[in-house]
Amino acid sequence: MEYRQLGDSDLRVSEISLGSWLTYGMGVEGDAAAACINHAFELGINFIDTANVYNRGGAETVLGEVLASRARDSYVLATKLFFPMTATDKGLSRKQIEKQLDDSLRRLRTDYVDLYQCHRYDPDTPLDETMDGLTRAVESGKVRYVGFSEWTPEQIQAALDIPGVVRFVSSQPQYSMLWRVIEPAVIPLCEANGIGQIVWSPLSQGVLTGKYQPGAPLPADSRARSDVMSGFMDTALAPPVLEAVARLHAVAADAGLSMAQLALAWVLRQQNVACAIVGATRPGQLDDNVGASGVHLSDATLQAIDTALEDVVVR
């Protein structure tokens, strides 16, 4: 496993990191979740990402139970806030930052998180108030660094322009061979301001692993067949997308990589990307994923990827 610096922080994170959206405390319970998390550490993964809203605290609770026996300085832990936890507990107000942070720390069984992220931008709270709340969280010692997820370039710049507040070190956007929206503006802005990318859905929720074949039934044990884990997959499973992804099998084979390794190495080709978040419902999935760390894709391979996907890429 290779490691990268996260923005202007002193955090060094594994190129492949473990996420918990739609999995732990939800689709993957108890011993199965613990097996995945523990195996991640065995493979050199040191960065764990979660959020308070994942199964309404369920993911944080599972992680807290599994991580309790590990030395706190042996891993990098990140969580988020914004989405509703109750009818009234939501957003990025100063009060909510304090309340949701304390609740997350309790569930995670820790005194601090390494990275606290704004899960989305809050249009209902003045940005000055949000940044002040985050600054107080860092000054309290409960948070080491702060980041955001899915903010526009304008929102990022507005936060950067506020004097006397904590600086963001991370951005958590959707990014994959199929979804390249951040390339024109977000990445250059972040590169210029010491903000690294922690990308989610680099495998397009499993579609880029090649497990879903055009015109074929969905695999019985796949996320797409799960009632609790199949959200937001309709677009990725569209026939034109699956047909384009099928063309990548030959590209991966020529590069000596699995489909998942090809997709993960593609996002990691970006210097501004610190790590790619993957999910795992069973430990063996991680063995394949970590094989992407340290892989360099040739110009010919990158061109072949673009040619295969040119009709379905979202930019």
C-alpha atoms as a PDB file:
ATOM      1  CA  MET A   1       0.000   0.000   0.000  1.00  0.00           C
ATOM      2  CA  GLU A   2       1.227   3.471  -0.850  1.00  0.00           C
ATOM      3  CA  TYR A   3       0.261   6.622   1.047  1.00  0.00           C
ATOM      4  CA  ARG A   4      -0.312  10.248   0.095  1.00  0.00           C
ATOM      5  CA  GLN A   5      -0.444  13.535   1.950  1.00  0.00           C
ATOM      6  CA  LEU A   6      -3.974  14.883   2.360  1.00  0.00           C
ATOM      7  CA  GLY A   7      -3.861  18.479   1.165  1.00  0.00           C
ATOM      8  CA  ASP A   8      -1.952  20.831   3.453  1.00  0.00           C
ATOM      9  CA  SER A   9      -2.538  18.615   6.495  1.00  0.00           C
ATOM     10  CA  ASP A  10      -0.018  16.317   8.141  1.00  0.00           C
ATOM     11  CA  LEU A  11      -2.306  13.327   7.495  1.00  0.00           C
ATOM     12  CA  ARG A  12      -0.863  10.556   5.333  1.00  0.00           C
ATOM     13  CA  VAL A  13      -3.664   8.379   4.029  1.00  0.00           C
ATOM     14  CA  SER A  14      -3.663   5.082   2.186  1.00  0.00           C
ATOM     15  CA  GLU A  15      -4.372   5.418  -1.535  1.00  0.00           C
ATOM     16  CA  ILE A  16      -7.260   2.998  -1.055  1.00  0.00           C
ATOM     17  CA  SER A  17      -9.508   3.849   1.879  1.00  0.00           C
ATOM     18  CA  LEU A  18     -12.554   2.192   3.413  1.00  0.00           C
ATOM     19  CA  GLY A  19     -15.967   3.824   3.375  1.00  0.00           C
ATOM     20  CA  SER A  20     -19.184   2.868   5.118  1.00  0.00           C
ATOM     21  CA  TRP A  21     -22.004   4.308   3.014  1.00  0.00           C
ATOM     22  CA  LEU A  22     -24.836   1.774   2.568  1.00  0.00           C
ATOM     23  CA  THR A  23     -22.778  -0.970   4.200  1.00  0.00           C
ATOM     24  CA  TYR A  24     -21.810  -1.108   7.877  1.00  0.00           C
ATOM     25  CA  GLY A  25     -24.716  -0.977  10.278  1.00  0.00           C
ATOM     26  CA  MET A  26     -27.058  -1.272   7.312  1.00  0.00           C
ATOM     27  CA  GLY A  27     -26.456  -3.872   4.617  1.00  0.00           C
ATOM     28  CA  VAL A  28     -23.495  -5.463   6.428  1.00  0.00           C
ATOM     29  CA  GLU A  29     -23.867  -6.246  10.104  1.00  0.00           C
ATOM     30  CA  GLY A  30     -21.873  -7.547  13.067  1.00  0.00           C
ATOM     31  CA  ASP A  31     -19.132 -10.053  12.383  1.00  0.00           C
ATOM     32  CA  ALA A  32     -19.192  -9.467   8.618  1.00  0.00           C
ATOM     33  CA  ALA A  33     -18.552  -5.756   9.081  1.00  0.00           C
ATOM     34  CA  ALA A  34     -15.782  -6.426  11.601  1.00  0.00           C
ATOM     35  CA  ALA A  35     -14.137  -8.890   9.215  1.00  0.00           C
ATOM     36  CA  CYS A  36     -14.048  -6.289   6.437  1.00  0.00           C
ATOM     37  CA  ILE A  37     -12.708  -3.530   8.660  1.00  0.00           C
ATOM     38  CA  ASN A  38     -10.036  -5.708  10.255  1.00  0.00           C
ATOM     39  CA  HIS A  39      -8.927  -7.054   6.891  1.00  0.00           C
ATOM     40  CA  ALA A  40      -8.608  -3.501   5.609  1.00  0.00           C
ATOM     41  CA  PHE A  41      -6.018  -2.831   8.297  1.00  0.00           C
ATOM     42  CA  GLU A  42      -4.192  -6.049   7.416  1.00  0.00           C
ATOM     43  CA  LEU A  43      -3.859  -4.769   3.854  1.00  0.00           C
ATOM     44  CA  GLY A  44      -2.411  -1.411   4.922  1.00  0.00           C
ATOM     45  CA  ILE A  45      -5.578   0.697   4.681  1.00  0.00           C
ATOM     46  CA  ASN A  46      -5.357   3.365   7.382  1.00  0.00           C
ATOM     47  CA  PHE A  47      -8.147   5.764   6.434  1.00  0.00           C
ATOM     48  CA  ILE A  48     -11.758   5.100   7.449  1.00  0.00           C
ATOM     49  CA  ASP A  49     -14.558   7.375   6.215  1.00  0.00           C
ATOM     50  CA  THR A  50     -18.099   7.558   7.551  1.00  0.00           C
ATOM     51  CA  ALA A  51     -20.900  10.049   8.287  1.00  0.00           C
ATOM     52  CA  ASN A  52     -23.452  10.581  11.011  1.00  0.00           C
ATOM     53  CA  VAL A  53     -26.337  10.074   8.579  1.00  0.00           C
ATOM     54  CA  TYR A  54     -25.224   6.631   7.379  1.00  0.00           C
ATOM     55  CA  ASN A  55     -28.015   4.488   8.812  1.00  0.00           C
ATOM     56  CA  ARG A  56     -28.734   7.344  11.248  1.00  0.00           C
ATOM     57  CA  GLY A  57     -25.615   6.708  13.291  1.00  0.00           C
ATOM     58  CA  GLY A  58     -25.510   2.969  12.658  1.00  0.00           C
ATOM     59  CA  ALA A  59     -22.291   3.043  10.639  1.00  0.00           C
ATOM     60  CA  GLU A  60     -20.498   5.151  13.253  1.00  0.00           C
ATOM     61  CA  THR A  61     -21.691   2.797  15.993  1.00  0.00           C
ATOM     62  CA  VAL A  62     -20.328  -0.275  14.196  1.00  0.00           C
ATOM     63  CA  LEU A  63     -17.025   1.442  13.505  1.00  0.00           C
ATOM     64  CA  GLY A  64     -16.772   2.543  17.120  1.00  0.00           C
ATOM     65  CA  GLU A  65     -17.216  -1.021  18.307  1.00  0.00           C
ATOM     66  CA  VAL A  66     -14.652  -2.472  15.899  1.00  0.00           C
ATOM     67  CA  LEU A  67     -12.057   0.289  16.296  1.00  0.00           C
ATOM     68  CA  ALA A  68     -12.245   0.426  20.089  1.00  0.00           C
ATOM     69  CA  SER A  69      -9.457  -2.122  20.520  1.00  0.00           C
ATOM     70  CA  ARG A  70      -7.046  -0.359  18.150  1.00  0.00           C
ATOM     71  CA  ALA A  71      -4.556   2.344  19.075  1.00  0.00           C
ATOM     72  CA  ARG A  72      -6.163   5.656  18.136  1.00  0.00           C
ATOM     73  CA  ASP A  73      -3.044   6.935  16.398  1.00  0.00           C
ATOM     74  CA  SER A  74      -2.877   3.868  14.132  1.00  0.00           C
ATOM     75  CA  TYR A  75      -5.631   5.041  11.777  1.00  0.00           C
ATOM     76  CA  VAL A  76      -7.118   8.188  10.277  1.00  0.00           C
ATOM     77  CA  LEU A  77     -10.825   8.639  11.019  1.00  0.00           C
ATOM     78  CA  ALA A  78     -13.217  10.926   9.162  1.00  0.00           C
ATOM     79  CA  THR A  79     -16.907  11.641   9.556  1.00  0.00           C
ATOM     80  CA  LYS A  80     -19.410  14.215   8.289  1.00  0.00           C
ATOM     81  CA  LEU A  81     -22.523  16.218   9.120  1.00  0.00           C
ATOM     82  CA  PHE A  82     -25.277  18.054   7.243  1.00  0.00           C
ATOM     83  CA  PHE A  83     -28.127  15.724   6.343  1.00  0.00           C
ATOM     84  CA  PRO A  84     -31.088  15.390   8.753  1.00  0.00           C
ATOM     85  CA  MET A  85     -30.654  13.192  11.791  1.00  0.00           C
ATOM     86  CA  THR A  86     -34.092  14.236  13.073  1.00  0.00           C
ATOM     87  CA  ALA A  87     -36.734  16.662  11.858  1.00  0.00           C
ATOM     88  CA  THR A  88     -34.852  19.510  13.523  1.00  0.00           C
ATOM     89  CA  ASP A  89     -31.237  18.279  13.680  1.00  0.00           C
ATOM     90  CA  LYS A  90     -29.726  19.098  10.312  1.00  0.00           C
ATOM     91  CA  GLY A  91     -27.490  21.580   8.529  1.00  0.00           C
ATOM     92  CA  LEU A  92     -24.248  23.346   9.356  1.00  0.00           C
ATOM     93  CA  SER A  93     -25.172  25.875  12.006  1.00  0.00           C
ATOM     94  CA  ARG A  94     -22.785  26.528  14.866  1.00  0.00           C
ATOM     95  CA  LYS A  95     -25.173  24.711  17.221  1.00  0.00           C
ATOM     96  CA  GLN A  96     -25.481  21.684  14.938  1.00  0.00           C
ATOM     97  CA  ILE A  97     -21.740  21.387  14.449  1.00  0.00           C
ATOM     98  CA  GLU A  98     -21.271  21.213  18.212  1.00  0.00           C
ATOM     99  CA  LYS A  99     -24.162  18.809  18.786  1.00  0.00           C
ATOM    100  CA  GLN A 100     -23.534  16.456  15.882  1.00  0.00           C
ATOM    101  CA  LEU A 101     -19.806  16.316  16.547  1.00  0.00           C
ATOM    102  CA  ASP A 102     -20.363  15.259  20.148  1.00  0.00           C
ATOM    103  CA  ASP A 103     -22.891  12.634  19.059  1.00  0.00           C
ATOM    104  CA  SER A 104     -20.486  11.263  16.450  1.00  0.00           C
ATOM    105  CA  LEU A 105     -17.618  11.090  18.926  1.00  0.00           C
ATOM    106  CA  ARG A 106     -19.826   9.172  21.348  1.00  0.00           C
ATOM    107  CA  ARG A 107     -20.827   6.622  18.705  1.00  0.00           C
ATOM    108  CA  LEU A 108     -17.258   6.333  17.405  1.00  0.00           C
ATOM    109  CA  ARG A 109     -15.910   5.913  20.961  1.00  0.00           C
ATOM    110  CA  THR A 110     -13.144   8.450  20.480  1.00  0.00           C
ATOM    111  CA  ASP A 111     -12.136  11.876  21.790  1.00  0.00           C
ATOM    112  CA  TYR A 112     -11.454  13.323  18.348  1.00  0.00           C
ATOM    113  CA  VAL A 113     -11.775  12.783  14.615  1.00  0.00           C
ATOM    114  CA  ASP A 114      -8.925  13.480  12.252  1.00  0.00           C
ATOM    115  CA  LEU A 115     -11.207  14.963   9.617  1.00  0.00           C
ATOM    116  CA  TYR A 116     -14.656  16.540  10.025  1.00  0.00           C
ATOM    117  CA  GLN A 117     -16.462  17.223   6.779  1.00  0.00           C
ATOM    118  CA  CYS A 118     -19.439  19.273   5.661  1.00  0.00           C
ATOM    119  CA  HIS A 119     -21.446  16.611   3.850  1.00  0.00           C
ATOM    120  CA  ARG A 120     -22.979  19.257   1.566  1.00  0.00           C
ATOM    121  CA  TYR A 121     -23.179  23.060   1.458  1.00  0.00           C
ATOM    122  CA  ASP A 122     -25.856  24.573   3.717  1.00  0.00           C
ATOM    123  CA  PRO A 123     -27.706  27.390   1.938  1.00  0.00           C
ATOM    124  CA  ASP A 124     -29.786  28.078   5.053  1.00  0.00           C
ATOM    125  CA  THR A 125     -26.850  28.949   7.332  1.00  0.00           C
ATOM    126  CA  PRO A 126     -24.497  31.900   6.763  1.00  0.00           C
ATOM    127  CA  LEU A 127     -21.137  30.586   5.624  1.00  0.00           C
ATOM    128  CA  ASP A 128     -19.409  32.749   8.241  1.00  0.00           C
ATOM    129  CA  GLU A 129     -21.318  30.901  10.956  1.00  0.00           C
ATOM    130  CA  THR A 130     -20.425  27.490   9.532  1.00  0.00           C
ATOM    131  CA  MET A 131     -16.736  28.367   9.290  1.00  0.00           C
ATOM    132  CA  ASP A 132     -16.756  29.789  12.813  1.00  0.00           C
ATOM    133  CA  GLY A 133     -18.344  26.593  14.113  1.00  0.00           C
ATOM    134  CA  LEU A 134     -15.727  24.478  12.371  1.00  0.00           C
ATOM    135  CA  THR A 135     -12.963  26.697  13.726  1.00  0.00           C
ATOM    136  CA  ARG A 136     -14.278  26.231  17.256  1.00  0.00           C
ATOM    137  CA  ALA A 137     -14.397  22.468  16.716  1.00  0.00           C
ATOM    138  CA  VAL A 138     -10.713  22.451  15.780  1.00  0.00           C
ATOM    139  CA  GLU A 139      -9.788  24.745  18.668  1.00  0.00           C
ATOM    140  CA  SER A 140     -11.609  22.399  21.074  1.00  0.00           C
ATOM    141  CA  GLY A 141      -9.296  19.538  20.124  1.00  0.00           C
ATOM    142  CA  LYS A 142     -12.208  17.367  19.007  1.00  0.00           C
ATOM    143  CA  VAL A 143     -11.301  17.824  15.328  1.00  0.00           C
ATOM    144  CA  ARG A 144      -7.867  17.956  13.718  1.00  0.00           C
ATOM    145  CA  TYR A 145      -8.787  19.098  10.209  1.00  0.00           C
ATOM    146  CA  VAL A 146     -11.901  19.996   8.243  1.00  0.00           C
ATOM    147  CA  GLY A 147     -13.177  19.308   4.754  1.00  0.00           C
ATOM    148  CA  PHE A 148     -16.263  19.414   2.575  1.00  0.00           C
ATOM    149  CA  SER A 149     -18.136  17.173   0.157  1.00  0.00           C
ATOM    150  CA  GLU A 150     -19.702  18.171  -3.163  1.00  0.00           C
ATOM    151  CA  TRP A 151     -19.224  21.943  -2.900  1.00  0.00           C
ATOM    152  CA  THR A 152     -19.152  24.057  -6.038  1.00  0.00           C
ATOM    153  CA  PRO A 153     -16.083  26.110  -6.965  1.00  0.00           C
ATOM    154  CA  GLU A 154     -17.962  29.268  -5.952  1.00  0.00           C
ATOM    155  CA  GLN A 155     -18.789  27.850  -2.516  1.00  0.00           C
ATOM    156  CA  ILE A 156     -15.220  26.690  -1.993  1.00  0.00           C
ATOM    157  CA  GLN A 157     -13.815  30.080  -2.961  1.00  0.00           C
ATOM    158  CA  ALA A 158     -16.253  31.874  -0.660  1.00  0.00           C
ATOM    159  CA  ALA A 159     -14.977  29.843   2.305  1.00  0.00           C
ATOM    160  CA  LEU A 160     -11.366  30.504   1.310  1.00  0.00           C
ATOM    161  CA  ASP A 161     -12.068  34.231   1.258  1.00  0.00           C
ATOM    162  CA  ILE A 162     -13.185  34.378   4.917  1.00  0.00           C
ATOM    163  CA  PRO A 163     -10.295  35.611   7.098  1.00  0.00           C
ATOM    164  CA  GLY A 164      -9.368  34.236  10.494  1.00  0.00           C
ATOM    165  CA  VAL A 165     -11.063  30.838  10.181  1.00  0.00           C
ATOM    166  CA  VAL A 166      -9.850  27.261   9.821  1.00  0.00           C
ATOM    167  CA  ARG A 167      -8.783  26.226   6.315  1.00  0.00           C
ATOM    168  CA  PHE A 168     -10.182  23.225   4.474  1.00  0.00           C
ATOM    169  CA  VAL A 169      -7.703  20.457   3.642  1.00  0.00           C
ATOM    170  CA  SER A 170     -10.011  18.040   1.830  1.00  0.00           C
ATOM    171  CA  SER A 171     -12.768  17.764  -0.731  1.00  0.00           C
ATOM    172  CA  GLN A 172     -14.895  14.621  -1.054  1.00  0.00           C
ATOM    173  CA  PRO A 173     -16.479  14.545  -4.517  1.00  0.00           C
ATOM    174  CA  GLN A 174     -17.906  11.818  -6.692  1.00  0.00           C
ATOM    175  CA  TYR A 175     -15.227  10.968  -9.257  1.00  0.00           C
ATOM    176  CA  SER A 176     -14.720   8.053 -11.599  1.00  0.00           C
ATOM    177  CA  MET A 177     -13.989   7.196 -15.213  1.00  0.00           C
ATOM    178  CA  LEU A 178     -17.701   7.725 -15.829  1.00  0.00           C
ATOM    179  CA  TRP A 179     -18.155  10.892 -13.718  1.00  0.00           C
ATOM    180  CA  ARG A 180     -15.542  13.613 -14.331  1.00  0.00           C
ATOM    181  CA  VAL A 181     -17.413  16.732 -13.237  1.00  0.00           C
ATOM    182  CA  ILE A 182     -14.671  17.968 -10.885  1.00  0.00           C
ATOM    183  CA  GLU A 183     -11.892  18.079 -13.472  1.00  0.00           C
ATOM    184  CA  PRO A 184     -12.427  21.516 -15.095  1.00  0.00           C
ATOM    185  CA  ALA A 185     -12.744  23.717 -11.997  1.00  0.00           C
ATOM    186  CA  VAL A 186     -12.790  21.933  -8.627  1.00  0.00           C
ATOM    187  CA  ILE A 187      -9.435  20.165  -8.973  1.00  0.00           C
ATOM    188  CA  PRO A 188      -7.488  23.253 -10.147  1.00  0.00           C
ATOM    189  CA  LEU A 189      -9.000  25.401  -7.379  1.00  0.00           C
ATOM    190  CA  CYS A 190      -8.207  22.796  -4.742  1.00  0.00           C
ATOM    191  CA  GLU A 191      -4.665  22.245  -6.036  1.00  0.00           C
ATOM    192  CA  ALA A 192      -4.001  25.975  -5.722  1.00  0.00           C
ATOM    193  CA  ASN A 193      -5.224  26.048  -2.123  1.00  0.00           C
ATOM    194  CA  GLY A 194      -3.819  22.943  -0.456  1.00  0.00           C
ATOM    195  CA  ILE A 195      -7.025  20.897  -0.637  1.00  0.00           C
ATOM    196  CA  GLY A 196      -6.795  17.203  -1.538  1.00  0.00           C
ATOM    197  CA  GLN A 197      -9.517  15.019  -3.033  1.00  0.00           C
ATOM    198  CA  ILE A 198     -10.964  12.016  -1.202  1.00  0.00           C
ATOM    199  CA  VAL A 199     -13.094  10.559  -3.958  1.00  0.00           C
ATOM    200  CA  TRP A 200     -16.251   8.535  -3.477  1.00  0.00           C
ATOM    201  CA  SER A 201     -17.815   6.053  -5.901  1.00  0.00           C
ATOM    202  CA  PRO A 202     -14.594   5.548  -7.909  1.00  0.00           C
ATOM    203  CA  LEU A 203     -16.082   2.207  -9.012  1.00  0.00           C
ATOM    204  CA  SER A 204     -19.442   3.802  -9.835  1.00  0.00           C
ATOM    205  CA  GLN A 205     -21.081   1.656  -7.124  1.00  0.00           C
ATOM    206  CA  GLY A 206     -19.550  -1.497  -8.549  1.00  0.00           C
ATOM    207  CA  VAL A 207     -20.469  -0.931 -12.193  1.00  0.00           C
ATOM    208  CA  LEU A 208     -16.827  -0.376 -13.172  1.00  0.00           C
ATOM    209  CA  THR A 209     -15.856  -3.763 -11.740  1.00  0.00           C
ATOM    210  CA  GLY A 210     -17.610  -5.313 -14.742  1.00  0.00           C
ATOM    211  CA  LYS A 211     -19.928  -7.430 -12.635  1.00  0.00           C
ATOM    212  CA  TYR A 212     -23.041  -6.066 -14.377  1.00  0.00           C
ATOM    213  CA  GLN A 213     -23.307  -7.336 -17.952  1.00  0.00           C
ATOM    214  CA  PRO A 214     -25.426  -5.704 -20.666  1.00  0.00           C
ATOM    215  CA  GLY A 215     -28.722  -7.531 -21.023  1.00  0.00           C
ATOM    216  CA  ALA A 216     -27.923 -10.031 -18.267  1.00  0.00           C
ATOM    217  CA  PRO A 217     -29.764 -10.489 -14.946  1.00  0.00           C
ATOM    218  CA  LEU A 218     -28.266  -8.675 -11.975  1.00  0.00           C
ATOM    219  CA  PRO A 219     -25.979 -10.966  -9.945  1.00  0.00           C
ATOM    220  CA  ALA A 220     -27.831 -12.369  -6.951  1.00  0.00           C
ATOM    221  CA  ASP A 221     -25.200 -11.265  -4.429  1.00  0.00           C
ATOM    222  CA  SER A 222     -24.640  -7.787  -5.885  1.00  0.00           C
ATOM    223  CA  ARG A 223     -25.374  -4.377  -4.401  1.00  0.00           C
ATOM    224  CA  ALA A 224     -27.865  -3.705  -7.185  1.00  0.00           C
ATOM    225  CA  ARG A 225     -30.027  -6.611  -5.974  1.00  0.00           C
ATOM    226  CA  SER A 226     -29.982  -5.422  -2.353  1.00  0.00           C
ATOM    227  CA  ASP A 227     -33.025  -3.534  -1.087  1.00  0.00           C
ATOM    228  CA  VAL A 228     -30.882  -1.462   1.291  1.00  0.00           C
ATOM    229  CA  MET A 229     -27.735  -0.922  -0.802  1.00  0.00           C
ATOM    230  CA  SER A 230     -28.997  -0.280  -4.331  1.00  0.00           C
ATOM    231  CA  GLY A 231     -29.851   3.408  -4.042  1.00  0.00           C
ATOM    232  CA  PHE A 232     -28.771   5.820  -6.784  1.00  0.00           C
ATOM    233  CA  MET A 233     -27.774   3.055  -9.216  1.00  0.00           C
ATOM    234  CA  ASP A 234     -30.348   3.505 -11.997  1.00  0.00           C
ATOM    235  CA  THR A 235     -28.196   5.783 -14.156  1.00  0.00           C
ATOM    236  CA  ALA A 236     -25.067   3.669 -13.772  1.00  0.00           C
ATOM    237  CA  LEU A 237     -27.004   0.543 -14.806  1.00  0.00           C
ATOM    238  CA  ALA A 238     -28.393   2.079 -18.006  1.00  0.00           C
ATOM    239  CA  PRO A 239     -27.750  -0.187 -21.035  1.00  0.00           C
ATOM    240  CA  PRO A 240     -25.484   2.311 -22.887  1.00  0.00           C
ATOM    241  CA  VAL A 241     -23.296   2.614 -19.777  1.00  0.00           C
ATOM    242  CA  LEU A 242     -23.026  -1.148 -19.310  1.00  0.00           C
ATOM    243  CA  GLU A 243     -22.194  -1.589 -22.994  1.00  0.00           C
ATOM    244  CA  ALA A 244     -19.419   1.012 -22.742  1.00  0.00           C
ATOM    245  CA  VAL A 245     -18.038  -0.504 -19.544  1.00  0.00           C
ATOM    246  CA  ALA A 246     -17.967  -3.928 -21.203  1.00  0.00           C
ATOM    247  CA  ARG A 247     -15.462  -2.495 -23.677  1.00  0.00           C
ATOM    248  CA  LEU A 248     -13.072  -1.915 -20.774  1.00  0.00           C
ATOM    249  CA  HIS A 249     -12.524  -5.642 -20.191  1.00  0.00           C
ATOM    250  CA  ALA A 250     -10.001  -5.769 -23.018  1.00  0.00           C
ATOM    251  CA  VAL A 251      -8.320  -2.576 -21.804  1.00  0.00           C
ATOM    252  CA  ALA A 252      -7.895  -3.998 -18.302  1.00  0.00           C
ATOM    253  CA  ALA A 253      -6.600  -7.299 -19.645  1.00  0.00           C
ATOM    254  CA  ASP A 254      -4.010  -5.546 -21.814  1.00  0.00           C
ATOM    255  CA  ALA A 255      -2.845  -3.587 -18.757  1.00  0.00           C
ATOM    256  CA  GLY A 256      -2.647  -6.743 -16.635  1.00  0.00           C
ATOM    257  CA  LEU A 257      -5.240  -5.404 -14.199  1.00  0.00           C
ATOM    258  CA  SER A 258      -8.668  -6.342 -12.960  1.00  0.00           C
ATOM    259  CA  MET A 259     -11.513  -4.039 -13.913  1.00  0.00           C
ATOM    260  CA  ALA A 260     -11.630  -2.625 -10.369  1.00  0.00           C
ATOM    261  CA  GLN A 261      -7.889  -2.007 -10.330  1.00  0.00           C
ATOM    262  CA  LEU A 262      -8.114  -0.210 -13.672  1.00  0.00           C
ATOM    263  CA  ALA A 263     -10.860   2.091 -12.378  1.00  0.00           C
ATOM    264  CA  LEU A 264      -9.096   2.842  -9.109  1.00  0.00           C
ATOM    265  CA  ALA A 265      -5.719   3.430 -10.764  1.00  0.00           C
ATOM    266  CA  TRP A 266      -7.477   5.834 -13.139  1.00  0.00           C
ATOM    267  CA  VAL A 267      -8.671   8.138 -10.350  1.00  0.00           C
ATOM    268  CA  LEU A 268      -5.335   7.847  -8.550  1.00  0.00           C
ATOM    269  CA  ARG A 269      -3.521   9.087 -11.652  1.00  0.00           C
ATOM    270  CA  GLN A 270      -4.590  12.561 -10.517  1.00  0.00           C
ATOM    271  CA  GLN A 271      -1.943  14.060  -8.242  1.00  0.00           C
ATOM    272  CA  ASN A 272      -4.626  16.009  -6.349  1.00  0.00           C
ATOM    273  CA  VAL A 273      -6.446  12.794  -5.419  1.00  0.00           C
ATOM    274  CA  ALA A 274      -5.211  11.643  -2.021  1.00  0.00           C
ATOM    275  CA  CYS A 275      -7.255   8.463  -1.886  1.00  0.00           C
ATOM    276  CA  ALA A 276     -10.151   6.537  -3.375  1.00  0.00           C
ATOM    277  CA  ILE A 277     -12.915   5.358  -1.057  1.00  0.00           C
ATOM    278  CA  VAL A 278     -14.158   1.815  -1.612  1.00  0.00           C
ATOM    279  CA  GLY A 279     -16.890  -0.126   0.115  1.00  0.00           C
ATOM    280  CA  ALA A 280     -16.668  -3.784   1.013  1.00  0.00           C
ATOM    281  CA  THR A 281     -19.350  -6.284   1.925  1.00  0.00           C
ATOM    282  CA  ARG A 282     -16.818  -9.108   2.221  1.00  0.00           C
ATOM    283  CA  PRO A 283     -13.059  -9.020   2.947  1.00  0.00           C
ATOM    284  CA  GLY A 284     -11.986 -10.558  -0.354  1.00  0.00           C
ATOM    285  CA  GLN A 285     -13.160  -7.520  -2.303  1.00  0.00           C
ATOM    286  CA  LEU A 286     -10.444  -5.451  -0.657  1.00  0.00           C
ATOM    287  CA  ASP A 287      -7.666  -7.797  -1.812  1.00  0.00           C
ATOM    288  CA  ASP A 288      -8.407  -6.891  -5.407  1.00  0.00           C
ATOM    289  CA  ASN A 289      -8.907  -3.175  -4.708  1.00  0.00           C
ATOM    290  CA  VAL A 290      -5.603  -2.596  -2.949  1.00  0.00           C
ATOM    291  CA  GLY A 291      -3.813  -3.956  -6.001  1.00  0.00           C
ATOM    292  CA  ALA A 292      -4.468  -0.574  -7.636  1.00  0.00           C
ATOM    293  CA  SER A 293      -2.164   1.233  -5.214  1.00  0.00           C
ATOM    294  CA  GLY A 294       1.028   2.309  -6.898  1.00  0.00           C
ATOM    295  CA  VAL A 295      -0.150   1.368 -10.403  1.00  0.00           C
ATOM    296  CA  HIS A 296       0.858   3.695 -13.257  1.00  0.00           C
ATOM    297  CA  LEU A 297      -1.374   3.665 -16.336  1.00  0.00           C
ATOM    298  CA  SER A 298       0.303   4.241 -19.684  1.00  0.00           C
ATOM    299  CA  ASP A 299      -0.817   6.942 -22.082  1.00  0.00           C
ATOM    300  CA  ALA A 300      -2.071   4.209 -24.396  1.00  0.00           C
ATOM    301  CA  THR A 301      -4.218   2.729 -21.642  1.00  0.00           C
ATOM    302  CA  LEU A 302      -5.647   6.131 -20.726  1.00  0.00           C
ATOM    303  CA  GLN A 303      -6.508   6.773 -24.367  1.00  0.00           C
ATOM    304  CA  ALA A 304      -8.162   3.367 -24.677  1.00  0.00           C
ATOM    305  CA  ILE A 305     -10.308   4.135 -21.616  1.00  0.00           C
ATOM    306  CA  ASP A 306     -11.427   7.444 -23.116  1.00  0.00           C
ATOM    307  CA  THR A 307     -12.256   5.802 -26.420  1.00  0.00           C
ATOM    308  CA  ALA A 308     -14.310   3.055 -24.776  1.00  0.00           C
ATOM    309  CA  LEU A 309     -16.324   5.446 -22.611  1.00  0.00           C
ATOM    310  CA  GLU A 310     -16.520   8.588 -24.737  1.00  0.00           C
ATOM    311  CA  ASP A 311     -20.287   8.362 -25.320  1.00  0.00           C
ATOM    312  CA  VAL A 312     -21.287   7.950 -21.666  1.00  0.00           C
ATOM    313  CA  VAL A 313     -18.850  10.066 -19.648  1.00  0.00           C
ATOM    314  CA  VAL A 314     -20.437  12.863 -17.589  1.00  0.00           C
ATOM    315  CA  ARG A 315     -18.210  15.933 -17.510  1.00  0.00           C
END
